[in-house]
Amino acid sequence: MQPKTTLKSLAKILNVSVSTVSKSLGNNDEISEETRQRVRALANEYNYIPNQYAVSLRKGTTKTIGVIIPNILNPFFAKVLIGLEEVLSKKGYHVITSISHESTSKEVRCIKTMSRGFIDGLIMCLAKETQVSKAYSHLDSIVQQKLPIVLFDRIHNDLQCDKVINDDYEASYNTTTHLIRDKGCKNIALVSSICGIHLGNLRMEGYKQALQDHGIEVNEKYIINSPNLTDFTTRIPSLLKDKTIDGYFGVNESATIRTINTAKKMNYDVVKELPIAAFCNTSQLRNHPSLIIVNQHAVEIGHKTAQLMLDRLQKDTRKTYTTTTVKASIDYKNQRNTTYKTH
């Protein structure tokens, strides 16, 4: 294996000091143009790649932002990453991403690795296990290290940092109201696999309050709220067999898609028989054209989160922190002319 080209090896070939090579590659005026051209030509010939960690030590900044997300397969997180990268790259920042897989221990390891001088700031969406167990001590340690941190979507309310969230309660209330007023639903089932997570609880509360405000009694038998996907999948058929249910509200994408797929296996015409509104990815409209999407505007969340991080890096002496709310909206595409059959 060919040894890696270094500043020292270039200096030896050119018979100059390492400092001269470094300054030449940095286009320093202290070095003559002739020498700078010789150094650059040799660096290109030997495919020299600068040691970014060493450069960061000299400059006092890595120009890198760490991002930890719970799940890379969820389109919501993928779109947030797109938004983050769009804003940060324009300011010369790189993004490195780690996945916690919804595990607190993996989240801790990701943080430890990233915070060892490799990043200027950390952006996070908390793992499900972290929120359910309320194990936040590793987050407090980041704040004590003075490392800028911005949380998005799943947050820790008491942590002293900037945050970006959706209006989960209001969006859930408005979505349930849409099913009642515009779709004529009276017996609306709720499906969720994120119980224990703060935003999941807010969406549940919004659903229940909308029912109550429209004179509809909350019926617990219409609710599946299980973090165990095997248990969730087992319980869905019984819910779908209940002929009194005339609408469904999906609190999260995984629960919604499992409900729709199970309904298809049970030979339901999901376009005509199951009015479903859900927090879901807009691309699902291609597969389920009757699905009423609660659009969380994930790319905008990425934009807002990245901007808060940039602001924090530029004004790190601020003692106040910002919580920015991105309002979700109901996507009415393909909904207006849909007529549902009773079961």
Protein backbone atom coordinates (compact mmCIF):
# COMPACT_ATOMS: atom_id res chain seq x y z
CA MET A 1 0.00 0.00 0.00
CA GLN A 2 1.42 3.39 -1.04
CA PRO A 3 2.21 5.61 1.99
CA LYS A 4 0.05 8.68 2.46
CA THR A 5 1.54 11.91 1.19
CA THR A 6 2.20 14.38 4.01
CA LEU A 7 3.51 17.92 4.36
CA LYS A 8 6.76 16.41 5.65
CA SER A 9 7.20 14.15 2.62
CA LEU A 10 6.51 17.02 0.21
CA ALA A 11 9.01 19.21 2.07
CA LYS A 12 11.67 16.49 1.85
CA ILE A 13 11.24 16.13 -1.93
CA LEU A 14 11.40 19.90 -2.47
CA ASN A 15 14.18 20.37 0.09
CA VAL A 16 12.25 23.09 1.91
CA SER A 17 10.76 23.36 5.39
CA VAL A 18 7.38 21.92 6.35
CA SER A 19 6.31 25.47 7.20
CA THR A 20 7.13 26.60 3.66
CA VAL A 21 4.99 23.83 2.18
CA SER A 22 2.11 24.61 4.53
CA LYS A 23 2.20 28.32 3.80
CA SER A 24 2.48 27.68 0.06
CA LEU A 25 -0.61 25.49 0.04
CA GLY A 26 -2.37 28.17 2.05
CA ASN A 27 -1.35 30.75 -0.59
CA ASN A 28 0.54 32.79 2.02
CA ASP A 29 2.17 35.93 0.59
CA GLU A 30 5.27 35.31 2.71
CA ILE A 31 6.26 32.65 0.17
CA SER A 32 7.29 33.60 -3.37
CA GLU A 33 4.89 32.84 -6.20
CA GLU A 34 7.48 30.57 -7.81
CA THR A 35 7.80 28.44 -4.68
CA ARG A 36 4.03 28.32 -4.19
CA GLN A 37 3.57 27.05 -7.74
CA ARG A 38 6.26 24.36 -7.24
CA VAL A 39 4.62 23.17 -4.04
CA ARG A 40 1.12 23.10 -5.52
CA ALA A 41 2.33 21.24 -8.61
CA LEU A 42 4.02 18.56 -6.49
CA ALA A 43 1.01 18.30 -4.18
CA ASN A 44 -1.22 17.67 -7.22
CA GLU A 45 1.24 15.13 -8.62
CA TYR A 46 1.25 13.15 -5.37
CA ASN A 47 -2.52 13.62 -4.76
CA TYR A 48 -1.89 15.31 -1.43
CA ILE A 49 -5.00 15.56 0.78
CA PRO A 50 -4.80 17.97 3.74
CA ASN A 51 -5.28 16.56 7.23
CA GLN A 52 -8.52 18.35 8.08
CA TYR A 53 -8.20 17.56 11.78
CA ALA A 54 -4.80 19.25 11.91
CA VAL A 55 -6.14 22.19 9.94
CA SER A 56 -9.02 22.47 12.39
CA LEU A 57 -6.64 22.55 15.35
CA ARG A 58 -4.75 25.45 13.80
CA LYS A 59 -7.88 27.41 12.89
CA GLY A 60 -9.86 26.61 16.04
CA THR A 61 -12.89 25.42 14.06
CA THR A 62 -13.77 22.19 12.29
CA LYS A 63 -16.42 23.72 10.00
CA THR A 64 -18.33 20.50 10.71
CA ILE A 65 -21.72 20.01 12.35
CA GLY A 66 -22.67 16.66 13.85
CA VAL A 67 -26.22 15.37 13.38
CA ILE A 68 -27.75 12.46 15.30
CA ILE A 69 -31.09 11.08 14.12
CA PRO A 70 -33.07 8.06 15.39
CA ASN A 71 -33.77 6.39 12.05
CA ILE A 72 -32.46 6.92 8.53
CA LEU A 73 -35.32 4.94 6.92
CA ASN A 74 -37.96 7.46 8.00
CA PRO A 75 -38.46 9.92 5.10
CA PHE A 76 -39.10 12.71 7.62
CA PHE A 77 -35.52 12.55 8.91
CA ALA A 78 -34.13 12.26 5.39
CA LYS A 79 -35.91 15.48 4.41
CA VAL A 80 -34.71 17.25 7.55
CA LEU A 81 -31.15 16.29 6.57
CA ILE A 82 -31.72 17.81 3.13
CA GLY A 83 -32.82 21.07 4.75
CA LEU A 84 -29.88 21.09 7.15
CA GLU A 85 -27.33 20.50 4.41
CA GLU A 86 -28.82 23.16 2.12
CA VAL A 87 -28.30 25.89 4.72
CA LEU A 88 -25.05 24.72 6.32
CA SER A 89 -23.21 24.01 3.06
CA LYS A 90 -23.82 27.58 1.88
CA LYS A 91 -21.86 28.76 4.93
CA GLY A 92 -19.01 26.34 4.30
CA TYR A 93 -20.00 23.73 6.88
CA HIS A 94 -19.88 19.98 6.42
CA VAL A 95 -22.42 17.62 8.00
CA ILE A 96 -21.60 14.25 9.53
CA THR A 97 -24.53 12.05 10.50
CA SER A 98 -24.91 9.25 13.05
CA ILE A 99 -27.95 7.08 13.78
CA SER A 100 -29.04 6.19 17.30
CA HIS A 101 -31.48 3.46 16.16
CA GLU A 102 -33.81 4.70 18.93
CA SER A 103 -31.28 3.55 21.57
CA THR A 104 -30.03 5.73 24.43
CA SER A 105 -26.73 3.85 24.70
CA LYS A 106 -26.04 4.30 20.99
CA GLU A 107 -27.03 7.95 21.27
CA VAL A 108 -24.48 8.36 24.09
CA ARG A 109 -21.75 6.71 22.01
CA CYS A 110 -22.52 8.94 19.02
CA ILE A 111 -22.28 12.04 21.21
CA LYS A 112 -18.98 10.95 22.80
CA THR A 113 -17.41 10.27 19.42
CA MET A 114 -18.55 13.52 17.85
CA SER A 115 -17.77 15.77 20.81
CA ARG A 116 -14.07 14.85 20.91
CA GLY A 117 -13.11 17.92 18.95
CA PHE A 118 -14.51 16.74 15.62
CA ILE A 119 -17.49 19.12 15.45
CA ASP A 120 -18.35 22.76 16.12
CA GLY A 121 -21.95 22.02 17.08
CA LEU A 122 -24.45 19.20 17.50
CA ILE A 123 -27.96 18.83 16.06
CA MET A 124 -30.15 16.05 17.47
CA CYS A 125 -33.54 14.38 17.40
CA LEU A 126 -33.74 12.30 20.55
CA ALA A 127 -34.05 8.52 20.50
CA LYS A 128 -37.37 7.00 21.54
CA GLU A 129 -35.72 5.17 24.44
CA THR A 130 -34.24 8.42 25.73
CA GLN A 131 -37.63 10.11 25.87
CA VAL A 132 -39.49 7.11 27.28
CA SER A 133 -36.93 6.53 30.04
CA LYS A 134 -36.32 10.26 30.54
CA ALA A 135 -32.58 9.55 30.59
CA TYR A 136 -31.20 13.00 29.80
CA SER A 137 -27.96 13.19 31.80
CA HIS A 138 -25.78 12.75 28.70
CA LEU A 139 -27.42 15.84 27.20
CA ASP A 140 -26.64 17.92 30.28
CA SER A 141 -22.98 16.99 29.87
CA ILE A 142 -22.94 18.48 26.35
CA VAL A 143 -24.24 21.80 27.66
CA GLN A 144 -21.58 21.78 30.37
CA GLN A 145 -18.92 21.32 27.66
CA LYS A 146 -20.17 24.54 26.04
CA LEU A 147 -20.78 22.67 22.78
CA PRO A 148 -23.64 24.38 20.89
CA ILE A 149 -26.63 22.07 20.54
CA VAL A 150 -29.96 22.36 18.73
CA LEU A 151 -32.74 19.80 19.23
CA PHE A 152 -35.50 19.23 16.67
CA ASP A 153 -38.80 17.32 16.61
CA ARG A 154 -38.21 15.21 19.75
CA ILE A 155 -36.84 17.50 22.41
CA HIS A 156 -36.06 17.77 26.12
CA ASN A 157 -38.00 20.80 27.35
CA ASP A 158 -35.73 21.51 30.32
CA LEU A 159 -32.46 21.42 28.40
CA GLN A 160 -30.88 24.84 27.96
CA CYS A 161 -30.52 24.91 24.18
CA ASP A 162 -32.26 26.02 21.00
CA LYS A 163 -35.08 23.84 19.66
CA VAL A 164 -37.28 23.42 16.56
CA ILE A 165 -40.66 21.68 16.83
CA ASN A 166 -44.00 21.20 15.09
CA ASP A 167 -47.30 22.40 16.57
CA ASP A 168 -48.18 18.75 17.25
CA TYR A 169 -51.21 19.35 19.49
CA GLU A 170 -52.78 21.95 17.20
CA ALA A 171 -52.06 19.93 14.04
CA SER A 172 -53.64 16.84 15.58
CA TYR A 173 -56.67 18.83 16.75
CA ASN A 174 -57.17 20.35 13.29
CA THR A 175 -56.75 17.00 11.54
CA THR A 176 -59.30 15.27 13.73
CA THR A 177 -61.66 18.22 13.21
CA HIS A 178 -61.20 17.82 9.44
CA LEU A 179 -62.28 14.18 9.64
CA ILE A 180 -65.35 15.17 11.68
CA ARG A 181 -66.50 18.25 9.77
CA ASP A 182 -65.40 17.54 6.20
CA LYS A 183 -65.55 13.75 6.08
CA GLY A 184 -68.54 13.23 8.36
CA CYS A 185 -66.68 10.84 10.67
CA LYS A 186 -68.13 10.20 14.13
CA ASN A 187 -66.18 7.15 15.31
CA ILE A 188 -62.53 7.89 14.62
CA ALA A 189 -59.88 5.34 15.52
CA LEU A 190 -56.36 6.41 16.47
CA VAL A 191 -53.27 4.34 15.64
CA SER A 192 -49.85 5.11 17.13
CA SER A 193 -46.56 3.33 17.76
CA ILE A 194 -44.87 6.25 19.54
CA CYS A 195 -46.55 6.27 22.93
CA GLY A 196 -44.25 7.61 25.63
CA ILE A 197 -42.72 10.16 23.28
CA HIS A 198 -43.70 13.74 24.10
CA LEU A 199 -44.91 14.64 20.61
CA GLY A 200 -46.92 11.40 20.45
CA ASN A 201 -48.67 12.36 23.68
CA LEU A 202 -49.41 15.85 22.33
CA ARG A 203 -50.97 14.37 19.18
CA MET A 204 -53.10 12.04 21.30
CA GLU A 205 -54.29 14.99 23.41
CA GLY A 206 -55.18 17.02 20.31
CA TYR A 207 -57.20 14.11 18.93
CA LYS A 208 -59.14 13.62 22.18
CA GLN A 209 -59.83 17.33 22.63
CA ALA A 210 -61.18 17.66 19.09
CA LEU A 211 -63.58 14.78 19.72
CA GLN A 212 -64.79 16.30 22.98
CA ASP A 213 -65.22 19.76 21.46
CA HIS A 214 -67.48 18.24 18.80
CA GLY A 215 -69.58 16.34 21.30
CA ILE A 216 -68.04 12.95 20.56
CA GLU A 217 -67.12 10.70 23.46
CA VAL A 218 -63.56 9.32 23.49
CA ASN A 219 -63.78 5.54 23.09
CA GLU A 220 -60.61 3.79 24.28
CA LYS A 221 -61.42 0.67 22.27
CA TYR A 222 -60.85 2.75 19.13
CA ILE A 223 -57.26 3.52 20.17
CA ILE A 224 -54.14 1.44 19.50
CA ASN A 225 -51.13 3.07 21.11
CA SER A 226 -48.33 0.51 21.29
CA PRO A 227 -44.55 1.00 20.86
CA ASN A 228 -44.16 -2.73 20.17
CA LEU A 229 -44.69 -3.13 16.42
CA THR A 230 -45.39 -6.86 16.74
CA ASP A 231 -48.13 -6.15 19.28
CA PHE A 232 -49.37 -3.24 17.17
CA THR A 233 -49.61 -5.40 14.04
CA THR A 234 -51.42 -8.14 15.95
CA ARG A 235 -54.08 -5.73 17.23
CA ILE A 236 -54.80 -3.92 13.94
CA PRO A 237 -57.07 -6.59 12.33
CA SER A 238 -59.52 -6.48 15.24
CA LEU A 239 -59.74 -2.70 14.92
CA LEU A 240 -60.34 -2.92 11.18
CA LYS A 241 -63.14 -5.46 11.72
CA ASP A 242 -65.04 -2.99 13.90
CA LYS A 243 -67.85 -1.86 11.57
CA THR A 244 -68.65 1.18 13.71
CA ILE A 245 -65.33 2.90 12.88
CA ASP A 246 -65.70 5.39 10.05
CA GLY A 247 -62.31 7.15 10.09
CA TYR A 248 -58.70 6.68 11.12
CA PHE A 249 -56.10 9.07 12.47
CA GLY A 250 -52.45 7.97 12.19
CA VAL A 251 -50.18 9.58 14.77
CA ASN A 252 -47.02 8.47 12.97
CA GLU A 253 -46.02 7.06 9.60
CA SER A 254 -45.05 3.55 10.67
CA ALA A 255 -48.41 2.98 12.39
CA THR A 256 -50.29 4.43 9.44
CA ILE A 257 -48.59 2.34 6.75
CA ARG A 258 -48.99 -0.86 8.79
CA THR A 259 -52.70 -0.08 9.17
CA ILE A 260 -53.14 0.52 5.44
CA ASN A 261 -51.18 -2.60 4.46
CA THR A 262 -53.16 -4.75 6.89
CA ALA A 263 -56.41 -3.33 5.49
CA LYS A 264 -55.31 -4.29 1.97
CA LYS A 265 -54.58 -7.84 3.11
CA MET A 266 -58.11 -7.93 4.53
CA ASN A 267 -59.43 -6.93 1.08
CA TYR A 268 -60.52 -3.41 2.01
CA ASP A 269 -60.66 -0.87 -0.78
CA VAL A 270 -58.51 1.62 1.13
CA VAL A 271 -59.28 4.43 -1.32
CA LYS A 272 -63.06 4.19 -0.90
CA GLU A 273 -63.59 2.51 2.46
CA LEU A 274 -60.98 3.95 4.82
CA PRO A 275 -60.77 7.72 5.30
CA ILE A 276 -57.32 8.05 6.88
CA ALA A 277 -55.56 11.21 7.97
CA ALA A 278 -52.01 10.92 9.25
CA PHE A 279 -48.65 12.45 10.04
CA CYS A 280 -47.01 10.88 7.04
CA ASN A 281 -44.59 11.52 4.20
CA THR A 282 -46.14 13.28 1.20
CA SER A 283 -44.62 10.71 -1.19
CA GLN A 284 -47.10 8.20 0.25
CA LEU A 285 -49.77 9.92 -1.85
CA ARG A 286 -48.38 8.00 -4.83
CA ASN A 287 -49.22 4.70 -3.14
CA HIS A 288 -52.29 5.81 -1.19
CA PRO A 289 -53.96 8.65 -3.12
CA SER A 290 -56.83 9.01 -0.64
CA LEU A 291 -54.52 9.49 2.36
CA ILE A 292 -54.96 12.86 4.04
CA ILE A 293 -51.40 14.00 4.79
CA VAL A 294 -50.42 16.09 7.79
CA ASN A 295 -47.39 17.79 6.26
CA GLN A 296 -44.73 18.51 8.88
CA HIS A 297 -42.62 20.53 6.42
CA ALA A 298 -39.48 18.56 7.24
CA VAL A 299 -37.19 20.50 4.90
CA GLU A 300 -38.26 23.76 6.54
CA ILE A 301 -37.53 22.21 9.95
CA GLY A 302 -34.05 21.44 8.63
CA HIS A 303 -33.63 25.02 7.44
CA LYS A 304 -34.76 26.51 10.76
CA THR A 305 -32.60 24.12 12.78
CA ALA A 306 -29.49 24.86 10.73
CA GLN A 307 -30.04 28.60 11.01
CA LEU A 308 -30.37 28.39 14.79
CA MET A 309 -27.07 26.51 14.88
CA LEU A 310 -25.35 29.14 12.74
CA ASP A 311 -26.75 31.90 14.94
CA ARG A 312 -25.51 30.09 18.04
CA LEU A 313 -22.01 29.66 16.58
CA GLN A 314 -21.84 33.35 15.73
CA LYS A 315 -23.35 34.58 19.02
CA ASP A 316 -22.23 32.01 21.56
CA THR A 317 -22.43 34.52 24.43
CA ARG A 318 -26.26 34.66 24.33
CA LYS A 319 -27.88 33.37 27.49
CA THR A 320 -31.40 33.10 26.08
CA TYR A 321 -32.52 30.21 23.88
CA THR A 322 -35.06 30.03 21.09
CA THR A 323 -37.81 27.47 20.47
CA THR A 324 -39.05 27.79 16.90
CA THR A 325 -42.37 26.23 15.89
CA VAL A 326 -42.94 25.12 12.29
CA LYS A 327 -46.68 24.78 11.74
CA ALA A 328 -47.84 21.55 10.14
CA SER A 329 -50.55 21.72 7.49
CA ILE A 330 -53.15 19.36 6.08
CA ASP A 331 -52.53 18.34 2.47
CA TYR A 332 -55.97 18.26 0.85
CA LYS A 333 -54.78 16.96 -2.53
CA ASN A 334 -57.02 14.26 -3.98
CA GLN A 335 -59.38 14.59 -1.01
CA ARG A 336 -62.15 16.89 -2.09
CA ASN A 337 -63.91 14.51 -4.45
CA THR A 338 -63.38 11.29 -2.48
CA THR A 339 -66.60 9.55 -1.44
CA TYR A 340 -66.23 6.79 1.15
CA LYS A 341 -68.41 3.71 1.37
CA THR A 342 -69.56 2.38 4.69
CA HIS A 343 -68.04 -0.95 5.76
